[in-house]
């Protein structure tokens, strides 16, 4: 039993007509019938008497109508109170994320948040996602979006939003890795393979660990800040790189990139929201944080 079921019941109790009620409530007649039947089963009582010509409330239906009306009135009152409380929150929040994150899911997050809290102003800063935790720790941002590190620093809280695989990528042309190099990555076979790696961050840490496990000392062509820069340089044929799948999903250069199926794969990114635990009591930060749950 939920507010939707009660709303359908009250509408049918007013109209005493399944067709008219289904049109008004924008549900199919079969869905309306299922909802009423489910209510009757939960209550253990028949609410309507139906025949080919008419629909009328039973005695139990009349009693339940009073109850449902009281519940819905109470629901609307508390909802209105909460909405007024939300709209009373005002101030400024700063949020840090990568350009890719702003393309991928930030629009949906911010648009729904702004609808609920129109008086909270959002300041968006973009940059290298490897800096996300650091910027929150230093107090430069209220919130940040990034990949969860292997060890979350003390005093920092994390809330997951999505996951993304880490991919080895190369240019469509020239082909920089042969099938043999993919099947059996060794120090000798990879010694002349140019690599474009992140200067720091989780992708770099996991890539370094993978290379070390195969005794590969990489030939680093460039170390760059930001996954978008890696994709750009790889697409031009300068080397192979490692980036999250979410970056490729939003890159205009995807057609110029090939994804290498290298085993074992790197551990996936757990992408989410960072905030200082002690600041989650701040009403503005709490409003944004709890909105994502």
Protein backbone atom coordinates (compact mmCIF):
# COMPACT_ATOMS: atom_id res chain seq x y z
CA UNK A 1 0.00 0.00 0.00
CA UNK A 2 1.46 3.36 -1.04
CA UNK A 3 0.35 6.87 -1.91
CA UNK A 4 -0.11 5.94 -5.57
CA UNK A 5 -2.48 3.09 -4.69
CA UNK A 6 -4.44 5.30 -2.31
CA UNK A 7 -4.71 8.03 -4.93
CA UNK A 8 -6.14 5.55 -7.45
CA UNK A 9 -8.59 4.23 -4.88
CA UNK A 10 -9.85 7.70 -3.95
CA UNK A 11 -10.28 8.67 -7.59
CA UNK A 12 -12.27 5.52 -8.30
CA UNK A 13 -14.33 6.06 -5.14
CA UNK A 14 -15.26 9.52 -6.47
CA UNK A 15 -15.91 8.52 -10.08
CA UNK A 16 -17.27 5.02 -9.57
CA UNK A 17 -16.13 4.39 -13.13
CA UNK A 18 -12.98 2.44 -14.10
CA UNK A 19 -12.65 3.97 -17.56
CA UNK A 20 -12.95 7.56 -16.40
CA UNK A 21 -10.57 6.96 -13.48
CA UNK A 22 -7.92 5.32 -15.66
CA UNK A 23 -8.02 8.31 -18.03
CA UNK A 24 -7.80 10.87 -15.24
CA UNK A 25 -4.94 9.06 -13.50
CA UNK A 26 -3.11 8.17 -16.72
CA UNK A 27 -3.03 4.43 -16.05
CA UNK A 28 -4.43 1.55 -18.05
CA UNK A 29 -7.73 -0.01 -16.90
CA UNK A 30 -5.90 -3.28 -16.23
CA UNK A 31 -3.31 -1.51 -14.06
CA UNK A 32 -6.09 0.22 -12.15
CA UNK A 33 -7.88 -3.10 -11.59
CA UNK A 34 -4.65 -4.73 -10.37
CA UNK A 35 -4.03 -1.91 -7.91
CA UNK A 36 -7.54 -2.12 -6.46
CA UNK A 37 -7.34 -5.91 -6.26
CA UNK A 38 -4.01 -5.69 -4.44
CA UNK A 39 -5.52 -3.26 -1.93
CA UNK A 40 -8.43 -5.59 -1.33
CA UNK A 41 -6.08 -8.53 -0.83
CA UNK A 42 -3.93 -6.59 1.64
CA UNK A 43 -7.00 -5.43 3.58
CA UNK A 44 -8.82 -8.76 3.38
CA UNK A 45 -12.01 -6.97 2.36
CA UNK A 46 -13.95 -6.12 -0.79
CA UNK A 47 -13.91 -2.37 -1.44
CA UNK A 48 -16.09 -2.17 -4.55
CA UNK A 49 -19.01 -4.14 -5.92
CA UNK A 50 -18.70 -4.35 -9.69
CA UNK A 51 -21.07 -5.58 -12.37
CA UNK A 52 -21.56 -4.86 -16.06
CA UNK A 53 -23.53 -1.68 -15.38
CA UNK A 54 -22.19 -0.04 -12.24
CA UNK A 55 -19.48 0.27 -9.60
CA UNK A 56 -20.29 1.10 -5.99
CA UNK A 57 -18.48 1.20 -2.68
CA UNK A 58 -19.06 -1.50 -0.09
CA UNK A 59 -19.45 -0.65 3.59
CA UNK A 60 -15.76 -1.51 4.04
CA UNK A 61 -14.96 0.61 1.03
CA UNK A 62 -16.68 3.61 2.59
CA UNK A 63 -14.72 3.14 5.81
CA UNK A 64 -11.47 2.78 3.92
CA UNK A 65 -12.28 5.92 1.92
CA UNK A 66 -12.25 7.97 5.12
CA UNK A 67 -8.95 6.43 6.15
CA UNK A 68 -7.34 6.94 2.72
CA UNK A 69 -8.50 10.55 2.59
CA UNK A 70 -6.96 11.27 6.00
CA UNK A 71 -3.68 9.61 4.98
CA UNK A 72 -3.42 11.53 1.71
CA UNK A 73 -4.22 14.84 3.40
CA UNK A 74 -1.51 14.14 5.96
CA UNK A 75 0.91 13.15 3.21
CA UNK A 76 0.33 16.37 1.31
CA UNK A 77 0.74 18.44 4.48
CA UNK A 78 4.07 16.87 5.48
CA UNK A 79 5.34 17.00 1.89
CA UNK A 80 4.54 20.70 1.70
CA UNK A 81 6.34 21.26 4.99
CA UNK A 82 9.45 19.47 3.73
CA UNK A 83 9.40 21.40 0.46
CA UNK A 84 9.25 24.68 2.36
CA UNK A 85 12.17 23.56 4.52
CA UNK A 86 14.19 22.66 1.43
CA UNK A 87 13.49 25.94 -0.28
CA UNK A 88 14.51 27.84 2.83
CA UNK A 89 18.07 26.51 2.54
CA UNK A 90 20.26 29.04 0.79
CA UNK A 91 23.95 29.67 0.36
CA UNK A 92 26.83 28.44 -1.77
CA UNK A 93 28.39 25.00 -2.35
CA UNK A 94 31.60 24.30 -4.25
CA UNK A 95 31.96 21.04 -6.18
CA UNK A 96 35.09 19.69 -7.91
CA UNK A 97 35.11 17.05 -10.65
CA UNK A 98 36.68 16.12 -13.97
CA UNK A 99 35.36 17.36 -17.30
CA UNK A 100 34.30 13.78 -18.04
CA UNK A 101 32.23 13.60 -14.85
CA UNK A 102 30.50 16.85 -15.76
CA UNK A 103 29.48 15.28 -19.08
CA UNK A 104 28.57 11.86 -17.70
CA UNK A 105 26.22 12.33 -14.79
CA UNK A 106 26.66 15.75 -13.22
CA UNK A 107 23.91 17.35 -15.30
CA UNK A 108 21.28 14.95 -13.92
CA UNK A 109 22.58 15.36 -10.36
CA UNK A 110 22.64 19.16 -10.43
CA UNK A 111 19.36 19.62 -12.28
CA UNK A 112 17.42 17.51 -9.76
CA UNK A 113 19.22 19.12 -6.82
CA UNK A 114 18.52 22.61 -8.09
CA UNK A 115 14.86 21.76 -8.50
CA UNK A 116 14.66 20.76 -4.83
CA UNK A 117 16.96 23.51 -3.52
CA UNK A 118 16.64 26.50 -5.86
CA UNK A 119 18.29 28.91 -3.41
CA UNK A 120 21.55 26.97 -3.09
CA UNK A 121 24.14 28.27 -5.56
CA UNK A 122 26.59 25.71 -6.96
CA UNK A 123 30.17 26.65 -7.84
CA UNK A 124 31.66 24.03 -10.18
CA UNK A 125 35.40 23.60 -10.61
CA UNK A 126 36.88 21.07 -13.05
CA UNK A 127 40.30 19.50 -13.20
CA UNK A 128 42.33 16.34 -12.74
CA UNK A 129 40.18 13.78 -10.86
CA UNK A 130 43.32 12.58 -9.04
CA UNK A 131 43.11 15.83 -7.04
CA UNK A 132 39.54 15.22 -5.82
CA UNK A 133 40.30 13.95 -2.31
CA UNK A 134 43.15 16.41 -1.82
CA UNK A 135 41.00 19.42 -2.65
CA UNK A 136 38.35 18.33 -0.13
CA UNK A 137 41.00 17.69 2.55
CA UNK A 138 42.53 21.11 1.99
CA UNK A 139 39.16 22.80 2.34
CA UNK A 140 39.25 24.12 -1.23
CA UNK A 141 35.96 22.37 -2.05
CA UNK A 142 32.88 21.37 -0.08
CA UNK A 143 32.43 18.27 -2.23
CA UNK A 144 34.32 16.46 -4.97
CA UNK A 145 33.69 13.64 -7.43
CA UNK A 146 36.43 11.13 -8.14
CA UNK A 147 37.57 7.51 -7.90
CA UNK A 148 37.74 5.94 -4.45
CA UNK A 149 41.37 5.30 -3.49
CA UNK A 150 42.46 1.92 -2.17
CA UNK A 151 42.73 3.45 1.29
CA UNK A 152 40.30 6.23 2.10
CA UNK A 153 42.02 8.94 4.19
CA UNK A 154 40.86 9.37 7.77
CA UNK A 155 38.16 11.98 8.12
CA UNK A 156 36.97 11.69 4.51
CA UNK A 157 33.63 10.06 3.68
CA UNK A 158 32.74 8.51 0.31
CA UNK A 159 29.45 7.74 -1.40
CA UNK A 160 29.49 5.62 -4.56
CA UNK A 161 27.74 6.86 -7.71
CA UNK A 162 28.88 4.43 -10.42
CA UNK A 163 31.65 2.04 -11.47
CA UNK A 164 33.90 2.20 -14.52
CA UNK A 165 36.42 -0.29 -15.90
CA UNK A 166 40.02 0.80 -16.47
CA UNK A 167 41.08 0.22 -20.10
CA UNK A 168 44.39 -0.07 -21.90
CA UNK A 169 43.97 1.93 -25.10
CA UNK A 170 45.97 2.55 -28.26
CA UNK A 171 45.50 4.36 -31.57
CA UNK A 172 43.59 2.77 -34.42
CA UNK A 173 46.71 3.36 -36.47
CA UNK A 174 49.50 2.47 -36.11
CA UNK A 175 48.98 -0.79 -34.24
CA UNK A 176 51.33 -0.50 -31.27
CA UNK A 177 50.68 -3.88 -29.64
CA UNK A 178 50.69 -7.23 -31.42
CA UNK A 179 48.49 -10.19 -30.50
CA UNK A 180 51.52 -11.88 -28.97
CA UNK A 181 52.28 -8.86 -26.79
CA UNK A 182 48.68 -8.89 -25.59
CA UNK A 183 48.68 -12.62 -24.83
CA UNK A 184 52.05 -12.67 -23.10
CA UNK A 185 53.16 -9.26 -21.85
CA UNK A 186 56.85 -9.49 -20.92
CA UNK A 187 59.71 -7.13 -20.21
CA UNK A 188 61.29 -7.87 -23.60
CA UNK A 189 58.12 -7.60 -25.68
CA UNK A 190 57.04 -4.32 -24.06
CA UNK A 191 60.40 -2.58 -23.72
CA UNK A 192 59.90 -0.46 -26.85
CA UNK A 193 56.17 0.23 -26.38
CA UNK A 194 55.67 3.98 -25.74
CA UNK A 195 53.29 4.72 -22.89
CA UNK A 196 51.35 7.85 -21.95
CA UNK A 197 50.52 7.74 -18.27
CA UNK A 198 48.88 9.90 -15.64
CA UNK A 199 51.28 11.89 -13.52
CA UNK A 200 49.59 10.57 -10.39
CA UNK A 201 46.39 9.08 -9.08
CA UNK A 202 44.66 5.73 -8.91
CA UNK A 203 45.04 4.86 -12.60
CA UNK A 204 48.79 5.43 -12.38
CA UNK A 205 49.06 3.36 -9.20
CA UNK A 206 47.17 0.42 -10.67
CA UNK A 207 49.04 0.62 -13.97
CA UNK A 208 52.40 0.67 -12.21
CA UNK A 209 51.36 -2.36 -10.16
CA UNK A 210 50.30 -4.25 -13.30
CA UNK A 211 53.58 -3.42 -15.08
CA UNK A 212 55.61 -4.48 -12.06
CA UNK A 213 53.75 -7.80 -11.85
CA UNK A 214 54.99 -8.53 -15.40
CA UNK A 215 58.50 -7.19 -14.72
CA UNK A 216 57.92 -4.51 -17.36
CA UNK A 217 59.93 -1.32 -17.12
CA UNK A 218 57.79 1.04 -19.19
CA UNK A 219 59.10 3.33 -21.88
CA UNK A 220 57.23 6.46 -20.81
CA UNK A 221 56.65 8.82 -23.72
CA UNK A 222 54.76 11.35 -21.63
CA UNK A 223 53.21 11.87 -18.21
CA UNK A 224 50.13 14.06 -18.33
CA UNK A 225 47.44 15.48 -16.08
CA UNK A 226 43.88 14.46 -16.95
CA UNK A 227 42.41 11.47 -18.77
CA UNK A 228 41.17 13.56 -21.68
CA UNK A 229 44.78 14.51 -22.50
CA UNK A 230 45.77 10.83 -22.49
CA UNK A 231 43.01 9.97 -24.98
CA UNK A 232 44.06 12.86 -27.23
CA UNK A 233 47.74 11.85 -27.31
CA UNK A 234 46.91 8.17 -27.81
CA UNK A 235 44.58 8.99 -30.72
CA UNK A 236 47.49 10.76 -32.42
CA UNK A 237 49.59 7.61 -32.23
CA UNK A 238 52.10 8.72 -29.60
CA UNK A 239 51.65 5.65 -27.40
CA UNK A 240 49.27 3.51 -25.37
CA UNK A 241 47.55 4.68 -22.22
CA UNK A 242 45.17 3.69 -19.45
CA UNK A 243 41.87 5.50 -18.85
CA UNK A 244 38.46 4.70 -17.33
CA UNK A 245 35.76 3.47 -19.71
CA UNK A 246 33.59 6.43 -18.70
CA UNK A 247 36.15 8.74 -20.35
CA UNK A 248 35.90 6.83 -23.63
CA UNK A 249 32.10 6.85 -23.48
CA UNK A 250 32.15 10.65 -23.59
CA UNK A 251 35.17 11.32 -25.80
CA UNK A 252 34.82 12.72 -29.34
CA UNK A 253 37.96 10.74 -30.22
CA UNK A 254 36.56 7.28 -29.49
CA UNK A 255 36.54 6.32 -33.18
CA UNK A 256 40.30 6.85 -33.30
CA UNK A 257 40.94 4.61 -30.31
CA UNK A 258 41.25 0.85 -29.94
CA UNK A 259 40.70 -0.93 -26.61
CA UNK A 260 43.16 -3.69 -25.73
CA UNK A 261 41.87 -6.79 -23.97
CA UNK A 262 44.78 -7.23 -21.60
CA UNK A 263 44.57 -9.89 -18.91
CA UNK A 264 44.29 -9.78 -16.03
CA UNK A 265 42.31 -6.54 -16.27
CA UNK A 266 42.97 -3.62 -13.96
CA UNK A 267 40.61 -3.17 -11.03
CA UNK A 268 37.62 -1.00 -11.90
CA UNK A 269 37.08 2.52 -10.64
CA UNK A 270 34.47 3.12 -7.95
CA UNK A 271 33.42 6.68 -8.76
CA UNK A 272 31.60 8.72 -6.20
CA UNK A 273 31.29 11.72 -3.95
CA UNK A 274 33.84 12.86 -1.34
CA UNK A 275 33.27 15.12 1.65
CA UNK A 276 34.87 15.66 5.03
CA UNK A 277 32.98 13.66 7.66
CA UNK A 278 32.95 16.58 10.08
CA UNK A 279 31.29 18.80 7.48
CA UNK A 280 28.40 16.45 6.72
CA UNK A 281 26.49 18.18 9.52
CA UNK A 282 26.50 21.40 7.49
CA UNK A 283 22.88 21.70 6.23
CA UNK A 284 23.93 22.62 2.66
CA UNK A 285 26.45 19.79 2.33
CA UNK A 286 24.04 17.35 3.99
CA UNK A 287 21.29 18.33 1.54
CA UNK A 288 23.50 17.50 -1.45
CA UNK A 289 25.00 14.38 0.15
CA UNK A 290 21.67 12.88 1.22
CA UNK A 291 20.08 13.74 -2.14
CA UNK A 292 22.38 11.16 -3.80
CA UNK A 293 21.43 8.26 -1.52
